């Protein structure tokens, strides 16, 4: 079983390498954003696999923190791509 988890971990790391290529050489900004979001998911899965390998529950807080930060980053980048600014300020007051 341990060998299977190591193989899965290696495949996840290789997938992250392919996604890094997409981030740096992506044809458009939304493609790069999707690749960054997928890297966050792959990072979460890699940490979960390491948690299983080390037989500890310590990494669950790290997984939760990365998931929250990845979600906030994806939403803010998407809003920036759509509107050109993240925080809208009404200066007419």
PDB file of N, CA and C in Angstrom:
ATOM      1  N   UNK A   1       0.822  -1.198   0.000  1.00  0.00           N
ATOM      2  CA  UNK A   1       0.000   0.000   0.000  1.00  0.00           C
ATOM      3  C   UNK A   1       0.866   1.262   0.000  1.00  0.00           C
ATOM      4  N   UNK A   2       1.978   1.188   0.719  1.00  0.00           N
ATOM      5  CA  UNK A   2       2.868   2.343   0.775  1.00  0.00           C
ATOM      6  C   UNK A   2       3.453   2.662  -0.594  1.00  0.00           C
ATOM      7  N   UNK A   3       3.754   1.636  -1.374  1.00  0.00           N
ATOM      8  CA  UNK A   3       4.294   1.845  -2.716  1.00  0.00           C
ATOM      9  C   UNK A   3       3.279   2.563  -3.594  1.00  0.00           C
ATOM     10  N   UNK A   4       2.030   2.180  -3.479  1.00  0.00           N
ATOM     11  CA  UNK A   4       0.977   2.826  -4.260  1.00  0.00           C
ATOM     12  C   UNK A   4       0.863   4.309  -3.912  1.00  0.00           C
ATOM     13  N   UNK A   5       0.959   4.644  -2.636  1.00  0.00           N
ATOM     14  CA  UNK A   5       0.864   6.042  -2.219  1.00  0.00           C
ATOM     15  C   UNK A   5       2.062   6.831  -2.728  1.00  0.00           C
ATOM     16  N   UNK A   6       3.251   6.233  -2.710  1.00  0.00           N
ATOM     17  CA  UNK A   6       4.437   6.910  -3.249  1.00  0.00           C
ATOM     18  C   UNK A   6       4.294   7.157  -4.752  1.00  0.00           C
ATOM     19  N   UNK A   7       3.748   6.181  -5.456  1.00  0.00           N
ATOM     20  CA  UNK A   7       3.535   6.346  -6.905  1.00  0.00           C
ATOM     21  C   UNK A   7       2.537   7.474  -7.164  1.00  0.00           C
ATOM     22  N   UNK A   8       1.473   7.515  -6.374  1.00  0.00           N
ATOM     23  CA  UNK A   8       0.485   8.600  -6.524  1.00  0.00           C
ATOM     24  C   UNK A   8       1.117   9.955  -6.229  1.00  0.00           C
ATOM     25  N   UNK A   9       1.969  10.023  -5.214  1.00  0.00           N
ATOM     26  CA  UNK A   9       2.630  11.270  -4.866  1.00  0.00           C
ATOM     27  C   UNK A   9       3.555  11.734  -5.998  1.00  0.00           C
ATOM     28  N   UNK A  10       4.271  10.817  -6.602  1.00  0.00           N
ATOM     29  CA  UNK A  10       5.148  11.159  -7.724  1.00  0.00           C
ATOM     30  C   UNK A  10       4.329  11.650  -8.915  1.00  0.00           C
ATOM     31  N   UNK A  11       3.201  11.001  -9.191  1.00  0.00           N
ATOM     32  CA  UNK A  11       2.346  11.450 -10.295  1.00  0.00           C
ATOM     33  C   UNK A  11       1.750  12.834 -10.043  1.00  0.00           C
ATOM     34  N   UNK A  12       1.398  13.110  -8.810  1.00  0.00           N
ATOM     35  CA  UNK A  12       0.866  14.437  -8.475  1.00  0.00           C
ATOM     36  C   UNK A  12       1.948  15.499  -8.662  1.00  0.00           C
ATOM     37  N   UNK A  13       3.166  15.198  -8.256  1.00  0.00           N
ATOM     38  CA  UNK A  13       4.263  16.155  -8.417  1.00  0.00           C
ATOM     39  C   UNK A  13       4.574  16.377  -9.891  1.00  0.00           C
ATOM     40  N   UNK A  14       4.534  15.323 -10.691  1.00  0.00           N
ATOM     41  CA  UNK A  14       4.743  15.487 -12.134  1.00  0.00           C
ATOM     42  C   UNK A  14       3.625  16.317 -12.766  1.00  0.00           C
ATOM     43  N   UNK A  15       2.408  16.129 -12.298  1.00  0.00           N
ATOM     44  CA  UNK A  15       1.287  16.939 -12.797  1.00  0.00           C
ATOM     45  C   UNK A  15       1.472  18.407 -12.442  1.00  0.00           C
ATOM     46  N   UNK A  16       2.009  18.665 -11.255  1.00  0.00           N
ATOM     47  CA  UNK A  16       2.278  20.045 -10.870  1.00  0.00           C
ATOM     48  C   UNK A  16       3.334  20.663 -11.777  1.00  0.00           C
ATOM     49  N   UNK A  17       4.293  19.864 -12.215  1.00  0.00           N
ATOM     50  CA  UNK A  17       5.294  20.366 -13.163  1.00  0.00           C
ATOM     51  C   UNK A  17       4.664  20.760 -14.482  1.00  0.00           C
ATOM     52  N   UNK A  18       3.742  19.950 -14.982  1.00  0.00           N
ATOM     53  CA  UNK A  18       3.033  20.295 -16.212  1.00  0.00           C
ATOM     54  C   UNK A  18       2.184  21.543 -16.055  1.00  0.00           C
ATOM     55  N   UNK A  19       1.576  21.707 -14.890  1.00  0.00           N
ATOM     56  CA  UNK A  19       0.777  22.903 -14.642  1.00  0.00           C
ATOM     57  C   UNK A  19       1.652  24.147 -14.517  1.00  0.00           C
ATOM     58  N   UNK A  20       2.845  23.988 -13.965  1.00  0.00           N
ATOM     59  CA  UNK A  20       3.765  25.129 -13.912  1.00  0.00           C
ATOM     60  C   UNK A  20       4.151  25.590 -15.306  1.00  0.00           C
ATOM     61  N   UNK A  21       4.313  24.641 -16.216  1.00  0.00           N
ATOM     62  CA  UNK A  21       4.574  25.008 -17.607  1.00  0.00           C
ATOM     63  C   UNK A  21       3.413  25.824 -18.160  1.00  0.00           C
ATOM     64  N   UNK A  22       2.186  25.426 -17.851  1.00  0.00           N
ATOM     65  CA  UNK A  22       1.007  26.144 -18.338  1.00  0.00           C
ATOM     66  C   UNK A  22       0.930  27.539 -17.723  1.00  0.00           C
ATOM     67  N   UNK A  23       1.369  27.679 -16.476  1.00  0.00           N
ATOM     68  CA  UNK A  23       1.345  28.999 -15.842  1.00  0.00           C
ATOM     69  C   UNK A  23       2.320  29.943 -16.535  1.00  0.00           C
ATOM     70  N   UNK A  24       3.511  29.468 -16.852  1.00  0.00           N
ATOM     71  CA  UNK A  24       4.525  30.341 -17.443  1.00  0.00           C
ATOM     72  C   UNK A  24       4.349  30.533 -18.942  1.00  0.00           C
ATOM     73  N   UNK A  25       3.830  29.539 -19.649  1.00  0.00           N
ATOM     74  CA  UNK A  25       3.715  29.626 -21.113  1.00  0.00           C
ATOM     75  C   UNK A  25       2.273  29.536 -21.580  1.00  0.00           C
ATOM     76  N   UNK A  26       1.337  29.897 -20.732  1.00  0.00           N
ATOM     77  CA  UNK A  26      -0.075  29.792 -21.095  1.00  0.00           C
ATOM     78  C   UNK A  26      -0.444  30.736 -22.216  1.00  0.00           C
ATOM     79  N   UNK A  27      -1.380  30.337 -23.068  1.00  0.00           N
ATOM     80  CA  UNK A  27      -1.759  31.208 -24.171  1.00  0.00           C
ATOM     81  C   UNK A  27      -2.555  32.433 -23.730  1.00  0.00           C
ATOM     82  N   UNK A  28      -3.273  32.341 -22.620  1.00  0.00           N
ATOM     83  CA  UNK A  28      -4.068  33.482 -22.178  1.00  0.00           C
ATOM     84  C   UNK A  28      -4.067  33.546 -20.650  1.00  0.00           C
ATOM     85  N   UNK A  29      -4.526  34.671 -20.136  1.00  0.00           N
ATOM     86  CA  UNK A  29      -4.553  34.873 -18.688  1.00  0.00           C
ATOM     87  C   UNK A  29      -5.534  33.935 -17.980  1.00  0.00           C
ATOM     88  N   UNK A  30      -6.736  33.685 -18.509  1.00  0.00           N
ATOM     89  CA  UNK A  30      -7.617  32.728 -17.830  1.00  0.00           C
ATOM     90  C   UNK A  30      -7.034  31.309 -17.774  1.00  0.00           C
ATOM     91  N   UNK A  31      -6.281  30.910 -18.804  1.00  0.00           N
ATOM     92  CA  UNK A  31      -5.633  29.596 -18.754  1.00  0.00           C
ATOM     93  C   UNK A  31      -4.614  29.538 -17.628  1.00  0.00           C
ATOM     94  N   UNK A  32      -3.885  30.613 -17.449  1.00  0.00           N
ATOM     95  CA  UNK A  32      -2.907  30.668 -16.366  1.00  0.00           C
ATOM     96  C   UNK A  32      -3.586  30.644 -15.007  1.00  0.00           C
ATOM     97  N   UNK A  33      -4.722  31.309 -14.900  1.00  0.00           N
ATOM     98  CA  UNK A  33      -5.469  31.320 -13.644  1.00  0.00           C
ATOM     99  C   UNK A  33      -5.995  29.931 -13.303  1.00  0.00           C
ATOM    100  N   UNK A  34      -6.505  29.225 -14.280  1.00  0.00           N
ATOM    101  CA  UNK A  34      -6.993  27.867 -14.049  1.00  0.00           C
ATOM    102  C   UNK A  34      -5.844  26.943 -13.649  1.00  0.00           C
ATOM    103  N   UNK A  35      -4.677  27.135 -14.266  1.00  0.00           N
ATOM    104  CA  UNK A  35      -3.513  26.326 -13.908  1.00  0.00           C
ATOM    105  C   UNK A  35      -3.074  26.614 -12.472  1.00  0.00           C
ATOM    106  N   UNK A  36      -3.127  27.879 -12.050  1.00  0.00           N
ATOM    107  CA  UNK A  36      -2.785  28.202 -10.660  1.00  0.00           C
ATOM    108  C   UNK A  36      -3.761  27.559  -9.680  1.00  0.00           C
ATOM    109  N   UNK A  37      -5.036  27.570 -10.023  1.00  0.00           N
ATOM    110  CA  UNK A  37      -6.030  26.933  -9.168  1.00  0.00           C
ATOM    111  C   UNK A  37      -5.794  25.422  -9.097  1.00  0.00           C
ATOM    112  N   UNK A  38      -5.459  24.827 -10.225  1.00  0.00           N
ATOM    113  CA  UNK A  38      -5.185  23.386 -10.242  1.00  0.00           C
ATOM    114  C   UNK A  38      -3.924  23.056  -9.456  1.00  0.00           C
ATOM    115  N   UNK A  39      -2.931  23.948  -9.462  1.00  0.00           N
ATOM    116  CA  UNK A  39      -1.732  23.728  -8.653  1.00  0.00           C
ATOM    117  C   UNK A  39      -2.102  23.720  -7.173  1.00  0.00           C
ATOM    118  N   UNK A  40      -3.014  24.596  -6.778  1.00  0.00           N
ATOM    119  CA  UNK A  40      -3.480  24.588  -5.391  1.00  0.00           C
ATOM    120  C   UNK A  40      -4.136  23.271  -5.014  1.00  0.00           C
ATOM    121  N   UNK A  41      -4.951  22.746  -5.908  1.00  0.00           N
ATOM    122  CA  UNK A  41      -5.605  21.455  -5.655  1.00  0.00           C
ATOM    123  C   UNK A  41      -4.574  20.332  -5.589  1.00  0.00           C
ATOM    124  N   UNK A  42      -3.600  20.367  -6.490  1.00  0.00           N
ATOM    125  CA  UNK A  42      -2.548  19.340  -6.483  1.00  0.00           C
ATOM    126  C   UNK A  42      -1.695  19.431  -5.219  1.00  0.00           C
ATOM    127  N   UNK A  43      -1.434  20.645  -4.751  1.00  0.00           N
ATOM    128  CA  UNK A  43      -0.670  20.817  -3.526  1.00  0.00           C
ATOM    129  C   UNK A  43      -1.426  20.255  -2.328  1.00  0.00           C
ATOM    130  N   UNK A  44      -2.722  20.481  -2.299  1.00  0.00           N
ATOM    131  CA  UNK A  44      -3.550  19.933  -1.227  1.00  0.00           C
ATOM    132  C   UNK A  44      -3.519  18.404  -1.259  1.00  0.00           C
ATOM    133  N   UNK A  45      -3.626  17.834  -2.451  1.00  0.00           N
ATOM    134  CA  UNK A  45      -3.608  16.372  -2.543  1.00  0.00           C
ATOM    135  C   UNK A  45      -2.236  15.802  -2.195  1.00  0.00           C
ATOM    136  N   UNK A  46      -1.160  16.502  -2.548  1.00  0.00           N
ATOM    137  CA  UNK A  46       0.175  16.028  -2.187  1.00  0.00           C
ATOM    138  C   UNK A  46       0.369  16.050  -0.678  1.00  0.00           C
ATOM    139  N   UNK A  47      -0.098  17.090  -0.024  1.00  0.00           N
ATOM    140  CA  UNK A  47       0.023  17.163   1.433  1.00  0.00           C
ATOM    141  C   UNK A  47      -0.845  16.098   2.098  1.00  0.00           C
ATOM    142  N   UNK A  48      -2.015  15.818   1.527  1.00  0.00           N
ATOM    143  CA  UNK A  48      -2.861  14.755   2.069  1.00  0.00           C
ATOM    144  C   UNK A  48      -2.180  13.391   1.933  1.00  0.00           C
ATOM    145  N   UNK A  49      -1.536  13.158   0.805  1.00  0.00           N
ATOM    146  CA  UNK A  49      -0.802  11.902   0.640  1.00  0.00           C
ATOM    147  C   UNK A  49       0.361  11.802   1.614  1.00  0.00           C
ATOM    148  N   UNK A  50       1.056  12.897   1.846  1.00  0.00           N
ATOM    149  CA  UNK A  50       2.128  12.887   2.841  1.00  0.00           C
ATOM    150  C   UNK A  50       1.584  12.641   4.242  1.00  0.00           C
ATOM    151  N   UNK A  51       0.413  13.174   4.525  1.00  0.00           N
ATOM    152  CA  UNK A  51      -0.217  12.937   5.821  1.00  0.00           C
ATOM    153  C   UNK A  51      -0.549  11.459   6.006  1.00  0.00           C
ATOM    154  N   UNK A  52      -0.983  10.817   4.943  1.00  0.00           N
ATOM    155  CA  UNK A  52      -1.263   9.383   5.014  1.00  0.00           C
ATOM    156  C   UNK A  52       0.029   8.596   5.191  1.00  0.00           C
ATOM    157  N   UNK A  53       1.075   8.998   4.468  1.00  0.00           N
ATOM    158  CA  UNK A  53       2.353   8.288   4.570  1.00  0.00           C
ATOM    159  C   UNK A  53       2.963   8.404   5.959  1.00  0.00           C
ATOM    160  N   UNK A  54       2.900   9.587   6.550  1.00  0.00           N
ATOM    161  CA  UNK A  54       3.489   9.789   7.868  1.00  0.00           C
ATOM    162  C   UNK A  54       2.550   9.411   8.999  1.00  0.00           C
ATOM    163  N   UNK A  55       1.326   9.038   8.664  1.00  0.00           N
ATOM    164  CA  UNK A  55       0.318   8.599   9.631  1.00  0.00           C
ATOM    165  C   UNK A  55       0.109   9.641  10.741  1.00  0.00           C
ATOM    166  N   UNK A  56      -0.156  10.867  10.318  1.00  0.00           N
ATOM    167  CA  UNK A  56      -0.373  11.948  11.264  1.00  0.00           C
ATOM    168  C   UNK A  56      -1.533  12.821  10.798  1.00  0.00           C
ATOM    169  N   UNK A  57      -2.157  13.466  11.732  1.00  0.00           N
ATOM    170  CA  UNK A  57      -3.249  14.378  11.414  1.00  0.00           C
ATOM    171  C   UNK A  57      -2.825  15.830  11.488  1.00  0.00           C
ATOM    172  N   UNK A  58      -1.520  16.063  11.657  1.00  0.00           N
ATOM    173  CA  UNK A  58      -1.008  17.425  11.806  1.00  0.00           C
ATOM    174  C   UNK A  58      -1.221  18.266  10.563  1.00  0.00           C
ATOM    175  N   UNK A  59      -1.197  17.651   9.394  1.00  0.00           N
ATOM    176  CA  UNK A  59      -1.244  18.397   8.141  1.00  0.00           C
ATOM    177  C   UNK A  59      -2.647  18.855   7.756  1.00  0.00           C
ATOM    178  N   UNK A  60      -3.662  18.476   8.506  1.00  0.00           N
ATOM    179  CA  UNK A  60      -5.025  18.868   8.148  1.00  0.00           C
ATOM    180  C   UNK A  60      -5.226  20.382   8.237  1.00  0.00           C
ATOM    181  N   UNK A  61      -4.582  21.016   9.213  1.00  0.00           N
ATOM    182  CA  UNK A  61      -4.682  22.469   9.322  1.00  0.00           C
ATOM    183  C   UNK A  61      -3.994  23.149   8.141  1.00  0.00           C
ATOM    184  N   UNK A  62      -2.877  22.580   7.708  1.00  0.00           N
ATOM    185  CA  UNK A  62      -2.155  23.126   6.563  1.00  0.00           C
ATOM    186  C   UNK A  62      -3.003  22.990   5.300  1.00  0.00           C
ATOM    187  N   UNK A  63      -3.657  21.854   5.134  1.00  0.00           N
ATOM    188  CA  UNK A  63      -4.523  21.632   3.979  1.00  0.00           C
ATOM    189  C   UNK A  63      -5.676  22.638   3.975  1.00  0.00           C
ATOM    190  N   UNK A  64      -6.273  22.867   5.120  1.00  0.00           N
ATOM    191  CA  UNK A  64      -7.373  23.829   5.219  1.00  0.00           C
ATOM    192  C   UNK A  64      -6.897  25.236   4.899  1.00  0.00           C
ATOM    193  N   UNK A  65      -5.742  25.624   5.403  1.00  0.00           N
ATOM    194  CA  UNK A  65      -5.209  26.953   5.137  1.00  0.00           C
ATOM    195  C   UNK A  65      -4.905  27.147   3.654  1.00  0.00           C
ATOM    196  N   UNK A  66      -4.302  26.163   3.012  1.00  0.00           N
ATOM    197  CA  UNK A  66      -3.994  26.266   1.581  1.00  0.00           C
ATOM    198  C   UNK A  66      -5.280  26.325   0.765  1.00  0.00           C
ATOM    199  N   UNK A  67      -6.291  25.572   1.155  1.00  0.00           N
ATOM    200  CA  UNK A  67      -7.567  25.589   0.428  1.00  0.00           C
ATOM    201  C   UNK A  67      -8.226  26.960   0.513  1.00  0.00           C
ATOM    202  N   UNK A  68      -8.213  27.562   1.701  1.00  0.00           N
ATOM    203  CA  UNK A  68      -8.818  28.885   1.864  1.00  0.00           C
ATOM    204  C   UNK A  68      -8.061  29.929   1.058  1.00  0.00           C
ATOM    205  N   UNK A  69      -6.735  29.905   1.134  1.00  0.00           N
ATOM    206  CA  UNK A  69      -5.924  30.882   0.401  1.00  0.00           C
ATOM    207  C   UNK A  69      -6.063  30.700  -1.110  1.00  0.00           C
ATOM    208  N   UNK A  70      -6.151  29.459  -1.564  1.00  0.00           N
ATOM    209  CA  UNK A  70      -6.320  29.194  -2.989  1.00  0.00           C
ATOM    210  C   UNK A  70      -7.665  29.719  -3.478  1.00  0.00           C
ATOM    211  N   UNK A  71      -8.708  29.527  -2.690  1.00  0.00           N
ATOM    212  CA  UNK A  71     -10.028  30.019  -3.076  1.00  0.00           C
ATOM    213  C   UNK A  71     -10.048  31.538  -3.145  1.00  0.00           C
ATOM    214  N   UNK A  72      -9.503  32.192  -2.129  1.00  0.00           N
ATOM    215  CA  UNK A  72      -9.484  33.656  -2.116  1.00  0.00           C
ATOM    216  C   UNK A  72      -8.657  34.190  -3.281  1.00  0.00           C
ATOM    217  N   UNK A  73      -7.534  33.558  -3.559  1.00  0.00           N
ATOM    218  CA  UNK A  73      -6.699  33.985  -4.680  1.00  0.00           C
ATOM    219  C   UNK A  73      -7.389  33.825  -6.014  1.00  0.00           C
ATOM    220  N   UNK A  74      -8.071  32.711  -6.214  1.00  0.00           N
ATOM    221  CA  UNK A  74      -8.771  32.476  -7.465  1.00  0.00           C
ATOM    222  C   UNK A  74      -9.906  33.481  -7.668  1.00  0.00           C
ATOM    223  N   UNK A  75     -10.661  33.743  -6.619  1.00  0.00           N
ATOM    224  CA  UNK A  75     -11.765  34.698  -6.733  1.00  0.00           C
ATOM    225  C   UNK A  75     -11.243  36.102  -6.997  1.00  0.00           C
ATOM    226  N   UNK A  76     -10.183  36.510  -6.304  1.00  0.00           N
ATOM    227  CA  UNK A  76      -9.680  37.871  -6.513  1.00  0.00           C
ATOM    228  C   UNK A  76      -9.036  38.033  -7.886  1.00  0.00           C
ATOM    229  N   UNK A  77      -8.295  37.032  -8.361  1.00  0.00           N
ATOM    230  CA  UNK A  77      -7.732  37.116  -9.712  1.00  0.00           C
ATOM    231  C   UNK A  77      -8.833  37.143 -10.765  1.00  0.00           C
ATOM    232  N   UNK A  78      -9.876  36.349 -10.563  1.00  0.00           N
ATOM    233  CA  UNK A  78     -10.986  36.346 -11.519  1.00  0.00           C
ATOM    234  C   UNK A  78     -11.678  37.703 -11.570  1.00  0.00           C
ATOM    235  N   UNK A  79     -11.883  38.300 -10.409  1.00  0.00           N
ATOM    236  CA  UNK A  79     -12.509  39.624 -10.379  1.00  0.00           C
ATOM    237  C   UNK A  79     -11.602  40.666 -11.029  1.00  0.00           C
ATOM    238  N   UNK A  80     -10.293  40.543 -10.830  1.00  0.00           N
ATOM    239  CA  UNK A  80      -9.359  41.476 -11.447  1.00  0.00           C
ATOM    240  C   UNK A  80      -9.367  41.343 -12.968  1.00  0.00           C
ATOM    241  N   UNK A  81      -9.438  40.099 -13.451  1.00  0.00           N
ATOM    242  CA  UNK A  81      -9.483  39.886 -14.900  1.00  0.00           C
ATOM    243  C   UNK A  81     -10.774  40.453 -15.485  1.00  0.00           C
ATOM    244  N   UNK A  82     -11.878  40.287 -14.772  1.00  0.00           N
ATOM    245  CA  UNK A  82     -13.166  40.731 -15.288  1.00  0.00           C
ATOM    246  C   UNK A  82     -13.320  42.252 -15.248  1.00  0.00           C
ATOM    247  N   UNK A  83     -13.001  42.884 -14.108  1.00  0.00           N
ATOM    248  CA  UNK A  83     -13.297  44.295 -13.940  1.00  0.00           C
ATOM    249  C   UNK A  83     -12.071  45.202 -13.939  1.00  0.00           C
ATOM    250  N   UNK A  84     -10.893  44.666 -13.769  1.00  0.00           N
ATOM    251  CA  UNK A  84      -9.693  45.489 -13.760  1.00  0.00           C
ATOM    252  C   UNK A  84      -9.298  46.002 -12.390  1.00  0.00           C
ATOM    253  N   UNK A  85     -10.129  45.767 -11.389  1.00  0.00           N
ATOM    254  CA  UNK A  85      -9.793  46.145 -10.018  1.00  0.00           C
ATOM    255  C   UNK A  85     -10.435  45.146  -9.069  1.00  0.00           C
ATOM    256  N   UNK A  86      -9.814  44.989  -7.915  1.00  0.00           N
ATOM    257  CA  UNK A  86     -10.321  44.006  -6.961  1.00  0.00           C
ATOM    258  C   UNK A  86     -11.292  44.652  -5.980  1.00  0.00           C
ATOM    259  N   UNK A  87     -10.885  45.782  -5.411  1.00  0.00           N
ATOM    260  CA  UNK A  87     -11.727  46.488  -4.452  1.00  0.00           C
ATOM    261  C   UNK A  87     -12.263  47.735  -5.138  1.00  0.00           C
ATOM    262  N   UNK A  88     -13.574  47.822  -5.227  1.00  0.00           N
ATOM    263  CA  UNK A  88     -14.202  48.972  -5.866  1.00  0.00           C
ATOM    264  C   UNK A  88     -14.391  50.077  -4.845  1.00  0.00           C
ATOM    265  N   UNK A  89     -13.898  51.250  -5.165  1.00  0.00           N
ATOM    266  CA  UNK A  89     -14.036  52.379  -4.254  1.00  0.00           C
ATOM    267  C   UNK A  89     -14.946  53.421  -4.920  1.00  0.00           C
ATOM    268  N   UNK A  90     -15.944  53.847  -4.190  1.00  0.00           N
ATOM    269  CA  UNK A  90     -16.858  54.876  -4.690  1.00  0.00           C
ATOM    270  C   UNK A  90     -16.345  56.233  -4.228  1.00  0.00           C
ATOM    271  N   UNK A  91     -15.778  56.992  -5.137  1.00  0.00           N
ATOM    272  CA  UNK A  91     -15.158  58.271  -4.778  1.00  0.00           C
ATOM    273  C   UNK A  91     -16.152  59.454  -4.870  1.00  0.00           C
ATOM    274  N   UNK A  92     -17.397  59.185  -5.159  1.00  0.00           N
ATOM    275  CA  UNK A  92     -18.385  60.263  -5.303  1.00  0.00           C
ATOM    276  C   UNK A  92     -19.043  60.628  -3.976  1.00  0.00           C
ATOM    277  N   UNK A  93     -18.625  60.067  -2.894  1.00  0.00           N
ATOM    278  CA  UNK A  93     -19.247  60.361  -1.606  1.00  0.00           C
ATOM    279  C   UNK A  93     -18.682  61.596  -0.987  1.00  0.00           C
TER     280      UNK A  93
END
